[in-house]
C-alpha atoms as a PDB file:
ATOM      1  CA  MET A   1     -15.868 113.709-155.145  1.00  0.00           C
ATOM      2  CA  LYS A   2     -14.281 112.125-158.782  1.00  0.00           C
ATOM      3  CA  ASN A   3     -11.908 109.203-158.417  1.00  0.00           C
ATOM      4  CA  MET A   4      -9.895 110.052-161.545  1.00  0.00           C
ATOM      5  CA  GLU A   5      -8.357 113.663-161.089  1.00  0.00           C
ATOM      6  CA  LYS A   6      -6.910 115.583-164.740  1.00  0.00           C
ATOM      7  CA  PHE A   7      -4.135 118.264-164.527  1.00  0.00           C
ATOM      8  CA  ASP A   8      -1.659 120.147-166.755  1.00  0.00           C
ATOM      9  CA  VAL A   9       1.072 119.945-164.246  1.00  0.00           C
ATOM     10  CA  LEU A  10       1.016 117.126-160.961  1.00  0.00           C
ATOM     11  CA  ILE A  11       3.312 118.872-158.190  1.00  0.00           C
ATOM     12  CA  ILE A  12       4.874 116.073-155.969  1.00  0.00           C
ATOM     13  CA  GLY A  13       6.023 117.973-152.585  1.00  0.00           C
ATOM     14  CA  GLY A  14       4.669 120.738-150.194  1.00  0.00           C
ATOM     15  CA  GLY A  15       7.844 122.593-149.588  1.00  0.00           C
ATOM     16  CA  ILE A  16       9.435 125.680-150.468  1.00  0.00           C
ATOM     17  CA  ALA A  17      10.340 123.602-154.086  1.00  0.00           C
ATOM     18  CA  GLY A  18       6.804 122.485-154.807  1.00  0.00           C
ATOM     19  CA  LEU A  19       4.840 125.633-153.960  1.00  0.00           C
ATOM     20  CA  SER A  20       6.883 127.894-155.211  1.00  0.00           C
ATOM     21  CA  ALA A  21       6.514 125.865-158.963  1.00  0.00           C
ATOM     22  CA  ALA A  22       2.689 125.521-157.904  1.00  0.00           C
ATOM     23  CA  LEU A  23       2.597 129.867-157.793  1.00  0.00           C
ATOM     24  CA  TYR A  24       4.651 130.365-161.089  1.00  0.00           C
ATOM     25  CA  ILE A  25       2.165 127.351-162.737  1.00  0.00           C
ATOM     26  CA  ALA A  26      -0.706 128.633-161.679  1.00  0.00           C
ATOM     27  CA  ARG A  27      -0.464 132.141-162.545  1.00  0.00           C
ATOM     28  CA  GLN A  28       0.253 130.741-165.943  1.00  0.00           C
ATOM     29  CA  ASN A  29      -3.798 129.439-166.163  1.00  0.00           C
ATOM     30  CA  LEU A  30      -2.621 125.704-166.159  1.00  0.00           C
ATOM     31  CA  ARG A  31      -4.546 123.575-163.658  1.00  0.00           C
ATOM     32  CA  VAL A  32      -1.774 122.953-161.210  1.00  0.00           C
ATOM     33  CA  GLY A  33      -1.913 120.031-158.275  1.00  0.00           C
ATOM     34  CA  VAL A  34      -0.026 119.572-155.326  1.00  0.00           C
ATOM     35  CA  ILE A  35       0.562 116.503-153.958  1.00  0.00           C
ATOM     36  CA  ALA A  36       2.154 116.591-150.370  1.00  0.00           C
ATOM     37  CA  ALA A  37       2.374 114.097-147.199  1.00  0.00           C
ATOM     38  CA  ASP A  38       2.877 117.661-145.400  1.00  0.00           C
ATOM     39  CA  ILE A  39       3.011 120.770-146.168  1.00  0.00           C
ATOM     40  CA  GLY A  40       6.669 122.246-145.443  1.00  0.00           C
ATOM     41  CA  GLY A  41       9.065 119.596-145.994  1.00  0.00           C
ATOM     42  CA  GLN A  42      13.020 120.587-144.591  1.00  0.00           C
ATOM     43  CA  LEU A  43      12.113 124.345-143.808  1.00  0.00           C
ATOM     44  CA  SER A  44       8.784 122.430-141.232  1.00  0.00           C
ATOM     45  CA  TYR A  45      11.939 122.187-138.624  1.00  0.00           C
ATOM     46  CA  ALA A  46      13.983 125.543-139.081  1.00  0.00           C
ATOM     47  CA  SER A  47      12.730 127.974-135.782  1.00  0.00           C
ATOM     48  CA  VAL A  48      13.699 130.949-137.893  1.00  0.00           C
ATOM     49  CA  ILE A  49      15.180 131.923-141.353  1.00  0.00           C
ATOM     50  CA  GLU A  50      16.283 134.797-141.089  1.00  0.00           C
ATOM     51  CA  ASN A  51      18.418 134.682-144.375  1.00  0.00           C
ATOM     52  CA  TYR A  52      15.375 134.682-147.223  1.00  0.00           C
ATOM     53  CA  PRO A  53      15.170 137.902-148.632  1.00  0.00           C
ATOM     54  CA  GLY A  54      12.726 140.150-148.360  1.00  0.00           C
ATOM     55  CA  PHE A  55      11.467 138.993-145.615  1.00  0.00           C
ATOM     56  CA  ASP A  56      12.022 139.372-141.801  1.00  0.00           C
ATOM     57  CA  ALA A  57      12.465 136.644-139.572  1.00  0.00           C
ATOM     58  CA  ALA A  58      10.479 133.702-139.337  1.00  0.00           C
ATOM     59  CA  SER A  59      10.177 130.519-138.882  1.00  0.00           C
ATOM     60  CA  GLY A  60      10.519 128.307-141.396  1.00  0.00           C
ATOM     61  CA  ILE A  61       7.055 126.870-142.017  1.00  0.00           C
ATOM     62  CA  SER A  62       4.984 130.168-141.681  1.00  0.00           C
ATOM     63  CA  LEU A  63       7.070 131.169-144.637  1.00  0.00           C
ATOM     64  CA  VAL A  64       6.042 128.068-146.587  1.00  0.00           C
ATOM     65  CA  LEU A  65       2.835 128.544-145.468  1.00  0.00           C
ATOM     66  CA  LYS A  66       2.599 131.936-147.151  1.00  0.00           C
ATOM     67  CA  VAL A  67       3.793 130.964-150.555  1.00  0.00           C
ATOM     68  CA  GLN A  68       1.293 128.507-150.776  1.00  0.00           C
ATOM     69  CA  GLN A  69      -1.304 130.567-149.955  1.00  0.00           C
ATOM     70  CA  GLN A  70       0.039 132.397-152.818  1.00  0.00           C
ATOM     71  CA  ALA A  71      -0.120 129.710-154.840  1.00  0.00           C
ATOM     72  CA  ALA A  72      -3.827 128.595-153.855  1.00  0.00           C
ATOM     73  CA  SER A  73      -4.676 132.136-154.839  1.00  0.00           C
ATOM     74  CA  PHE A  74      -4.188 132.012-158.078  1.00  0.00           C
ATOM     75  CA  GLY A  75      -5.763 128.444-158.163  1.00  0.00           C
ATOM     76  CA  ALA A  76      -3.198 125.494-157.135  1.00  0.00           C
ATOM     77  CA  GLU A  77      -4.741 123.074-155.946  1.00  0.00           C
ATOM     78  CA  ILE A  78      -3.458 120.594-152.252  1.00  0.00           C
ATOM     79  CA  PHE A  79      -3.370 117.433-151.489  1.00  0.00           C
ATOM     80  CA  ILE A  80      -2.527 115.379-148.530  1.00  0.00           C
ATOM     81  CA  ASP A  81      -1.694 112.680-149.956  1.00  0.00           C
ATOM     82  CA  GLU A  82       1.567 110.624-150.724  1.00  0.00           C
ATOM     83  CA  VAL A  83       2.312 108.935-154.137  1.00  0.00           C
ATOM     84  CA  ILE A  84       3.147 105.347-154.474  1.00  0.00           C
ATOM     85  CA  HIS A  85       2.674 105.025-158.448  1.00  0.00           C
ATOM     86  CA  ILE A  86       3.670 106.767-161.821  1.00  0.00           C
ATOM     87  CA  GLU A  87       2.652 104.863-165.190  1.00  0.00           C
ATOM     88  CA  LYS A  88       3.453 106.797-168.317  1.00  0.00           C
ATOM     89  CA  GLY A  89       1.010 106.146-171.487  1.00  0.00           C
ATOM     90  CA  GLY A  90       1.919 108.359-174.370  1.00  0.00           C
ATOM     91  CA  GLU A  91       1.595 111.770-173.051  1.00  0.00           C
ATOM     92  CA  MET A  92      -0.228 111.028-170.049  1.00  0.00           C
ATOM     93  CA  PHE A  93       1.580 110.286-166.701  1.00  0.00           C
ATOM     94  CA  LEU A  94      -0.981 107.827-164.288  1.00  0.00           C
ATOM     95  CA  VAL A  95      -0.794 109.455-160.288  1.00  0.00           C
ATOM     96  CA  ARG A  96      -2.298 106.756-157.861  1.00  0.00           C
ATOM     97  CA  THR A  97      -1.947 107.513-154.778  1.00  0.00           C
ATOM     98  CA  LYS A  98      -2.072 105.811-150.710  1.00  0.00           C
ATOM     99  CA  SER A  99      -5.691 107.520-150.418  1.00  0.00           C
ATOM    100  CA  GLY A 100      -6.735 106.086-153.563  1.00  0.00           C
ATOM    101  CA  MET A 101      -6.600 108.505-155.924  1.00  0.00           C
ATOM    102  CA  THR A 102      -6.033 109.067-159.032  1.00  0.00           C
ATOM    103  CA  PHE A 103      -4.146 111.370-160.819  1.00  0.00           C
ATOM    104  CA  GLU A 104      -3.546 111.677-164.672  1.00  0.00           C
ATOM    105  CA  ALA A 105      -1.231 115.204-165.836  1.00  0.00           C
ATOM    106  CA  LEU A 106       0.841 115.740-168.790  1.00  0.00           C
ATOM    107  CA  ALA A 107       3.453 116.625-166.829  1.00  0.00           C
ATOM    108  CA  ILE A 108       4.952 116.134-163.702  1.00  0.00           C
ATOM    109  CA  ILE A 109       7.212 118.266-160.877  1.00  0.00           C
ATOM    110  CA  ALA A 110       9.178 116.366-158.262  1.00  0.00           C
ATOM    111  CA  ALA A 111      10.296 118.333-156.028  1.00  0.00           C
ATOM    112  CA  CYS A 112       9.547 115.418-152.441  1.00  0.00           C
ATOM    113  CA  GLY A 113      12.977 116.519-151.232  1.00  0.00           C
ATOM    114  CA  LYS A 114      15.232 114.592-149.234  1.00  0.00           C
ATOM    115  CA  ALA A 115      13.902 113.921-145.566  1.00  0.00           C
ATOM    116  CA  PRO A 116      16.014 114.568-142.482  1.00  0.00           C
ATOM    117  CA  LYS A 117      17.069 110.679-140.585  1.00  0.00           C
ATOM    118  CA  ARG A 118      15.522 110.825-137.578  1.00  0.00           C
ATOM    119  CA  LEU A 119      16.254 109.162-134.543  1.00  0.00           C
ATOM    120  CA  GLU A 120      13.621 106.517-134.295  1.00  0.00           C
ATOM    121  CA  VAL A 121      12.594 106.700-130.478  1.00  0.00           C
ATOM    122  CA  SER A 122       8.885 107.278-129.257  1.00  0.00           C
ATOM    123  CA  ASN A 123       7.534 110.776-128.905  1.00  0.00           C
ATOM    124  CA  GLU A 124       9.702 112.316-131.472  1.00  0.00           C
ATOM    125  CA  ASP A 125       7.491 114.150-133.287  1.00  0.00           C
ATOM    126  CA  LYS A 126       6.280 116.124-130.408  1.00  0.00           C
ATOM    127  CA  TYR A 127      10.048 117.713-129.849  1.00  0.00           C
ATOM    128  CA  ILE A 128      10.549 119.037-133.209  1.00  0.00           C
ATOM    129  CA  GLY A 129      10.722 122.455-132.835  1.00  0.00           C
ATOM    130  CA  LYS A 130      10.754 122.068-129.033  1.00  0.00           C
ATOM    131  CA  GLY A 131      13.870 121.863-128.438  1.00  0.00           C
ATOM    132  CA  LEU A 132      14.770 119.268-130.730  1.00  0.00           C
ATOM    133  CA  SER A 133      16.156 119.945-134.092  1.00  0.00           C
ATOM    134  CA  TYR A 134      17.772 118.692-137.121  1.00  0.00           C
ATOM    135  CA  CYS A 135      19.432 121.446-138.409  1.00  0.00           C
ATOM    136  CA  VAL A 136      22.822 123.090-137.016  1.00  0.00           C
ATOM    137  CA  ILE A 137      22.575 126.180-138.719  1.00  0.00           C
ATOM    138  CA  CYS A 138      19.348 126.780-138.902  1.00  0.00           C
ATOM    139  CA  ASP A 139      18.962 127.012-135.298  1.00  0.00           C
ATOM    140  CA  ALA A 140      22.074 126.659-133.633  1.00  0.00           C
ATOM    141  CA  ALA A 141      21.852 130.766-132.556  1.00  0.00           C
ATOM    142  CA  LEU A 142      18.725 130.045-130.698  1.00  0.00           C
ATOM    143  CA  PHE A 143      21.447 127.730-128.011  1.00  0.00           C
ATOM    144  CA  LYS A 144      23.485 130.804-126.956  1.00  0.00           C
ATOM    145  CA  GLY A 145      25.120 129.317-123.957  1.00  0.00           C
ATOM    146  CA  LYS A 146      22.855 126.523-123.645  1.00  0.00           C
ATOM    147  CA  ARG A 147      23.528 123.220-122.700  1.00  0.00           C
ATOM    148  CA  VAL A 148      22.972 121.116-126.376  1.00  0.00           C
ATOM    149  CA  ALA A 149      23.451 117.513-127.361  1.00  0.00           C
ATOM    150  CA  LEU A 150      24.592 116.760-131.142  1.00  0.00           C
ATOM    151  CA  VAL A 151      24.084 113.712-132.766  1.00  0.00           C
ATOM    152  CA  SER A 152      26.419 113.127-135.906  1.00  0.00           C
ATOM    153  CA  PHE A 153      29.592 111.997-136.898  1.00  0.00           C
ATOM    154  CA  GLY A 154      32.082 112.438-139.999  1.00  0.00           C
ATOM    155  CA  GLU A 155      32.845 115.574-141.880  1.00  0.00           C
ATOM    156  CA  LYS A 156      29.443 116.451-140.608  1.00  0.00           C
ATOM    157  CA  GLY A 157      30.304 116.073-137.251  1.00  0.00           C
ATOM    158  CA  ILE A 158      33.308 118.434-137.439  1.00  0.00           C
ATOM    159  CA  GLU A 159      31.171 120.984-139.275  1.00  0.00           C
ATOM    160  CA  ASN A 160      28.336 121.156-137.266  1.00  0.00           C
ATOM    161  CA  LEU A 161      30.934 121.010-133.940  1.00  0.00           C
ATOM    162  CA  ASN A 162      32.016 124.203-135.279  1.00  0.00           C
ATOM    163  CA  LEU A 163      29.317 125.925-135.578  1.00  0.00           C
ATOM    164  CA  LEU A 164      28.004 124.975-132.096  1.00  0.00           C
ATOM    165  CA  MET A 165      31.449 124.870-130.003  1.00  0.00           C
ATOM    166  CA  PRO A 166      31.283 128.890-129.858  1.00  0.00           C
ATOM    167  CA  LEU A 167      27.962 129.572-128.872  1.00  0.00           C
ATOM    168  CA  ALA A 168      27.138 126.469-126.303  1.00  0.00           C
ATOM    169  CA  SER A 169      28.348 126.604-122.943  1.00  0.00           C
ATOM    170  CA  GLU A 170      28.559 122.539-123.076  1.00  0.00           C
ATOM    171  CA  VAL A 171      28.117 120.357-126.169  1.00  0.00           C
ATOM    172  CA  LEU A 172      27.658 116.831-125.738  1.00  0.00           C
ATOM    173  CA  TYR A 173      28.877 114.871-129.121  1.00  0.00           C
ATOM    174  CA  ILE A 174      26.975 111.745-129.413  1.00  0.00           C
ATOM    175  CA  THR A 175      28.101 109.047-132.444  1.00  0.00           C
ATOM    176  CA  PRO A 176      27.163 105.956-133.136  1.00  0.00           C
ATOM    177  CA  TYR A 177      29.413 104.889-134.879  1.00  0.00           C
ATOM    178  CA  GLN A 178      32.290 104.005-132.197  1.00  0.00           C
ATOM    179  CA  GLY A 179      35.927 105.431-133.321  1.00  0.00           C
ATOM    180  CA  ASP A 180      34.835 107.875-135.425  1.00  0.00           C
ATOM    181  CA  PHE A 181      37.515 110.033-137.656  1.00  0.00           C
ATOM    182  CA  SER A 182      35.380 112.997-135.813  1.00  0.00           C
ATOM    183  CA  ILE A 183      36.312 112.704-131.951  1.00  0.00           C
ATOM    184  CA  GLN A 184      39.090 112.968-132.424  1.00  0.00           C
ATOM    185  CA  HIS A 185      38.419 117.255-133.191  1.00  0.00           C
ATOM    186  CA  ALA A 186      35.498 116.945-130.368  1.00  0.00           C
ATOM    187  CA  LYS A 187      38.372 116.589-127.979  1.00  0.00           C
ATOM    188  CA  LYS A 188      40.223 119.591-129.048  1.00  0.00           C
ATOM    189  CA  TYR A 189      36.857 121.636-127.329  1.00  0.00           C
ATOM    190  CA  SER A 190      37.178 121.885-123.415  1.00  0.00           C
ATOM    191  CA  ASN A 191      33.434 122.191-124.240  1.00  0.00           C
ATOM    192  CA  VAL A 192      32.912 119.055-125.422  1.00  0.00           C
ATOM    193  CA  LYS A 193      32.219 116.404-124.249  1.00  0.00           C
ATOM    194  CA  VAL A 194      32.118 112.832-126.212  1.00  0.00           C
ATOM    195  CA  PHE A 195      29.765 109.832-126.240  1.00  0.00           C
ATOM    196  CA  ASP A 196      31.532 107.057-128.260  1.00  0.00           C
ATOM    197  CA  GLY A 197      29.036 104.684-130.461  1.00  0.00           C
ATOM    198  CA  CYS A 198      26.331 105.471-128.132  1.00  0.00           C
ATOM    199  CA  ARG A 199      22.565 106.150-129.188  1.00  0.00           C
ATOM    200  CA  ILE A 200      19.659 107.994-127.764  1.00  0.00           C
ATOM    201  CA  VAL A 201      16.951 106.037-126.515  1.00  0.00           C
ATOM    202  CA  LYS A 202      14.239 108.426-124.911  1.00  0.00           C
ATOM    203  CA  LEU A 203      13.024 111.912-125.374  1.00  0.00           C
ATOM    204  CA  ILE A 204      12.481 113.258-121.970  1.00  0.00           C
ATOM    205  CA  GLY A 205       9.811 116.785-120.818  1.00  0.00           C
ATOM    206  CA  ASP A 206       7.272 117.987-120.508  1.00  0.00           C
ATOM    207  CA  ARG A 207       5.853 121.171-122.661  1.00  0.00           C
ATOM    208  CA  LYS A 208       9.850 121.259-123.765  1.00  0.00           C
ATOM    209  CA  LEU A 209      12.207 118.704-124.158  1.00  0.00           C
ATOM    210  CA  GLU A 210      14.154 118.429-120.997  1.00  0.00           C
ATOM    211  CA  LYS A 211      16.165 115.529-120.544  1.00  0.00           C
ATOM    212  CA  ILE A 212      17.369 112.403-122.659  1.00  0.00           C
ATOM    213  CA  VAL A 213      18.705 109.011-121.807  1.00  0.00           C
ATOM    214  CA  VAL A 214      21.927 107.819-124.169  1.00  0.00           C
ATOM    215  CA  LYS A 215      23.051 103.869-124.090  1.00  0.00           C
ATOM    216  CA  CYS A 216      26.241 103.701-124.452  1.00  0.00           C
ATOM    217  CA  PRO A 217      28.146 100.092-125.368  1.00  0.00           C
ATOM    218  CA  ASP A 218      29.832  99.545-121.910  1.00  0.00           C
ATOM    219  CA  LYS A 219      27.666 101.012-119.760  1.00  0.00           C
ATOM    220  CA  MET A 220      24.357 101.476-118.284  1.00  0.00           C
ATOM    221  CA  GLU A 221      21.897 103.978-119.819  1.00  0.00           C
ATOM    222  CA  LEU A 222      22.411 107.229-118.474  1.00  0.00           C
ATOM    223  CA  GLU A 223      19.972 110.241-118.333  1.00  0.00           C
ATOM    224  CA  VAL A 224      21.116 113.809-119.046  1.00  0.00           C
ATOM    225  CA  GLU A 225      19.494 117.042-118.444  1.00  0.00           C
ATOM    226  CA  VAL A 226      19.569 119.821-122.572  1.00  0.00           C
ATOM    227  CA  ASP A 227      18.297 123.131-123.614  1.00  0.00           C
ATOM    228  CA  GLY A 228      17.974 121.198-127.124  1.00  0.00           C
ATOM    229  CA  LEU A 229      19.546 118.563-128.906  1.00  0.00           C
ATOM    230  CA  PHE A 230      21.167 118.228-132.600  1.00  0.00           C
ATOM    231  CA  VAL A 231      20.614 115.307-134.334  1.00  0.00           C
ATOM    232  CA  GLU A 232      22.388 115.507-138.001  1.00  0.00           C
ATOM    233  CA  ILE A 233      22.603 111.844-139.468  1.00  0.00           C
ATOM    234  CA  GLY A 234      22.378 112.198-142.777  1.00  0.00           C
ATOM    235  CA  PHE A 235      18.934 112.357-145.372  1.00  0.00           C
ATOM    236  CA  GLU A 236      16.715 110.131-146.914  1.00  0.00           C
ATOM    237  CA  THR A 237      14.221 110.029-149.691  1.00  0.00           C
ATOM    238  CA  ARG A 238      11.177 108.242-150.193  1.00  0.00           C
ATOM    239  CA  ILE A 239      11.115 107.606-154.285  1.00  0.00           C
ATOM    240  CA  ASP A 240      10.589 103.858-155.004  1.00  0.00           C
ATOM    241  CA  PHE A 241       7.965 105.567-157.537  1.00  0.00           C
ATOM    242  CA  LEU A 242      10.246 107.162-159.171  1.00  0.00           C
ATOM    243  CA  LYS A 243      12.700 105.089-159.634  1.00  0.00           C
ATOM    244  CA  HIS A 244      11.961 103.538-163.570  1.00  0.00           C
ATOM    245  CA  PHE A 245      11.778 106.868-164.839  1.00  0.00           C
ATOM    246  CA  VAL A 246      14.781 109.153-163.717  1.00  0.00           C
ATOM    247  CA  ASN A 247      18.760 108.469-163.038  1.00  0.00           C
ATOM    248  CA  PHE A 248      20.619 109.449-159.823  1.00  0.00           C
ATOM    249  CA  ASN A 249      23.902 110.609-158.907  1.00  0.00           C
ATOM    250  CA  GLU A 250      26.040 109.656-156.135  1.00  0.00           C
ATOM    251  CA  ARG A 251      23.977 111.494-153.753  1.00  0.00           C
ATOM    252  CA  GLY A 252      20.803 109.811-154.259  1.00  0.00           C
ATOM    253  CA  GLU A 253      19.707 113.006-156.136  1.00  0.00           C
ATOM    254  CA  VAL A 254      18.005 113.533-159.201  1.00  0.00           C
ATOM    255  CA  ILE A 255      19.978 114.030-162.489  1.00  0.00           C
ATOM    256  CA  VAL A 256      18.230 117.060-163.965  1.00  0.00           C
ATOM    257  CA  ASN A 257      20.190 119.388-166.715  1.00  0.00           C
ATOM    258  CA  GLU A 258      20.037 123.094-166.336  1.00  0.00           C
ATOM    259  CA  PHE A 259      16.242 123.788-166.872  1.00  0.00           C
ATOM    260  CA  GLY A 260      15.247 120.513-164.209  1.00  0.00           C
ATOM    261  CA  GLU A 261      14.136 118.272-166.971  1.00  0.00           C
ATOM    262  CA  THR A 262      15.345 114.527-165.951  1.00  0.00           C
ATOM    263  CA  LYS A 263      15.808 111.954-169.129  1.00  0.00           C
ATOM    264  CA  THR A 264      11.399 111.089-169.246  1.00  0.00           C
ATOM    265  CA  PRO A 265      10.171 113.902-171.206  1.00  0.00           C
ATOM    266  CA  GLY A 266       7.627 115.576-169.411  1.00  0.00           C
ATOM    267  CA  LEU A 267       9.069 114.634-165.971  1.00  0.00           C
ATOM    268  CA  PHE A 268      11.717 117.379-164.078  1.00  0.00           C
ATOM    269  CA  ALA A 269      12.825 117.870-160.491  1.00  0.00           C
ATOM    270  CA  ALA A 270      13.313 120.398-157.996  1.00  0.00           C
ATOM    271  CA  GLY A 271      14.209 121.618-154.829  1.00  0.00           C
ATOM    272  CA  ASP A 272      16.924 119.286-152.555  1.00  0.00           C
ATOM    273  CA  LEU A 273      16.016 115.963-154.776  1.00  0.00           C
ATOM    274  CA  SER A 274      17.372 117.404-157.383  1.00  0.00           C
ATOM    275  CA  SER A 275      20.967 117.550-158.908  1.00  0.00           C
ATOM    276  CA  ASN A 276      21.368 121.364-159.922  1.00  0.00           C
ATOM    277  CA  THR A 277      21.052 122.843-156.371  1.00  0.00           C
ATOM    278  CA  PRO A 278      24.783 122.174-155.276  1.00  0.00           C
ATOM    279  CA  TYR A 279      23.766 124.138-152.258  1.00  0.00           C
ATOM    280  CA  LYS A 280      20.926 123.191-149.726  1.00  0.00           C
ATOM    281  CA  GLN A 281      18.924 126.838-148.887  1.00  0.00           C
ATOM    282  CA  ALA A 282      15.522 127.675-149.017  1.00  0.00           C
ATOM    283  CA  ILE A 283      16.168 129.944-151.090  1.00  0.00           C
ATOM    284  CA  ILE A 284      18.231 127.766-154.007  1.00  0.00           C
ATOM    285  CA  ALA A 285      15.451 125.501-153.800  1.00  0.00           C
ATOM    286  CA  ALA A 286      12.873 128.023-154.304  1.00  0.00           C
ATOM    287  CA  ALA A 287      14.708 129.247-157.764  1.00  0.00           C
ATOM    288  CA  SER A 288      15.115 125.448-158.777  1.00  0.00           C
ATOM    289  CA  GLY A 289      11.501 124.970-159.041  1.00  0.00           C
ATOM    290  CA  VAL A 290      10.790 128.239-160.261  1.00  0.00           C
ATOM    291  CA  ILE A 291      13.029 126.748-163.105  1.00  0.00           C
ATOM    292  CA  ALA A 292      10.927 122.852-163.285  1.00  0.00           C
ATOM    293  CA  ALA A 293       8.099 124.950-163.750  1.00  0.00           C
ATOM    294  CA  ILE A 294       9.104 127.560-166.783  1.00  0.00           C
ATOM    295  CA  SER A 295      10.513 124.652-167.962  1.00  0.00           C
ATOM    296  CA  ALA A 296       6.877 122.383-167.011  1.00  0.00           C
ATOM    297  CA  ILE A 297       4.541 125.058-168.604  1.00  0.00           C
ATOM    298  CA  ASN A 298       6.750 125.131-172.254  1.00  0.00           C
ATOM    299  CA  TYR A 299       6.541 121.068-172.072  1.00  0.00           C
ATOM    300  CA  VAL A 300       2.498 122.133-170.904  1.00  0.00           C
ATOM    301  CA  ASN A 301       2.072 124.428-174.444  1.00  0.00           C
ATOM    302  CA  ARG A 302       3.839 122.031-177.013  1.00  0.00           C
ATOM    303  CA  VAL A 303       2.171 119.174-175.720  1.00  0.00           C
ATOM    304  CA  LYS A 304      -0.937 121.078-176.169  1.00  0.00           C
ATOM    305  CA  GLY A 305       0.352 122.284-180.127  1.00  0.00           C
ATOM    306  CA  LEU A 306       0.666 125.982-178.894  1.00  0.00           C
ATOM    307  CA  LYS A 307       3.502 128.127-179.747  1.00  0.00           C
ATOM    308  CA  LYS A 308       3.456 130.505-176.205  1.00  0.00           C
ATOM    309  CA  GLU A 309       6.854 129.950-174.402  1.00  0.00           C
ATOM    310  CA  VAL A 310       7.172 131.771-170.880  1.00  0.00           C
ATOM    311  CA  ARG A 311      10.222 133.474-170.972  1.00  0.00           C
ATOM    312  CA  VAL A 312       9.762 135.474-167.837  1.00  0.00           C
ATOM    313  CA  ASP A 313       6.331 136.136-165.379  1.00  0.00           C
ATOM    314  CA  TRP A 314       6.735 139.565-164.785  1.00  0.00           C
ATOM    315  CA  GLU A 315       2.103 140.199-166.265  1.00  0.00           C
ATOM    316  CA  LYS A 316      -0.490 141.419-163.520  1.00  0.00           C
ATOM    317  CA  ARG A 317      -2.304 138.508-162.799  1.00  0.00           C
ATOM    318  CA  HIS A 318      -6.326 138.125-162.042  1.00  0.00           C
ATOM    319  CA  VAL A 319      -6.327 136.253-158.119  1.00  0.00           C
ATOM    320  CA  ALA A 320      -8.565 134.218-157.318  1.00  0.00           C
ATOM    321  CA  THR A 321     -11.657 134.529-155.032  1.00  0.00           C
ATOM    322  CA  GLY A 322     -11.398 131.295-153.222  1.00  0.00           C
ATOM    323  CA  ILE A 323     -13.792 129.459-156.136  1.00  0.00           C
ATOM    324  CA  GLY A 324     -12.516 126.190-157.063  1.00  0.00           C
ATOM    325  CA  ARG A 325     -10.037 126.024-154.796  1.00  0.00           C
ATOM    326  CA  ARG A 326      -9.934 122.585-152.556  1.00  0.00           C
ATOM    327  CA  PHE A 327      -7.492 121.532-149.689  1.00  0.00           C
ATOM    328  CA  ARG A 328      -7.772 118.199-148.723  1.00  0.00           C
ATOM    329  CA  LEU A 329      -7.168 116.058-145.677  1.00  0.00           C
END
């Protein structure tokens, strides 16, 4: 196995934005690689997507996998790995990963998104999609008439309560910050029980989540039965490798222009990571990825001295048969 992989474009992130970008780039007969810790991104946490145009209701991960299959059919290569370092020398970017792989590319699209903050309790991954959700707007309707717990605070907590209260039979509202202003709003609802300044310390259940253990400042640990648990405590990015190449806005997003360009030539950003996606929706992230992809295609063509500029992508392409494609774990 070669230690150095050379690409026209490297995409960091395996969500809907990154894979949509890979699809467009691969169709232009450029070599494109996707480096991602996993496939799916935030959509992995969405049990059902009902509002993606042209698709019947489906899980978030099935939607992303469909795009991945499309991208791979045109030759996009997927590497399950994590980027830990980027440097630029002349026109080439050098990328190193956690597994020890080294990549070179003329352009990079950062589409690694924002990951929901976790509770950081044991076995948390076990219950994702099995009673545990990090997206109220995605999954609230699945718990109609059920008893659910919500961990949140502030304006986001109020927004999520407004969504859950009409659907759930009871909402256990757990705020990590004692005296948070959202508590007064929560107390207006007869079917909302407030746990002020409390935290979840344990999740219990066999095949799905059945109980949570809550610990409050002035009480012993309390075991509570629930049908579902929503965790909405914000998002975080893990993009230290980009800090020297981009600027950030007050929300921690990478600042880009309307073409997805950052301050560094050849480096683009897309999806929830970028400043040009104000509404965090799957279709908007996908569109952002396509914008960055077309910009990257045109950038690579200019670097190569080609006069070709892509404006549309309506031509029929020969779909690859699978020869040369790799899916590295």
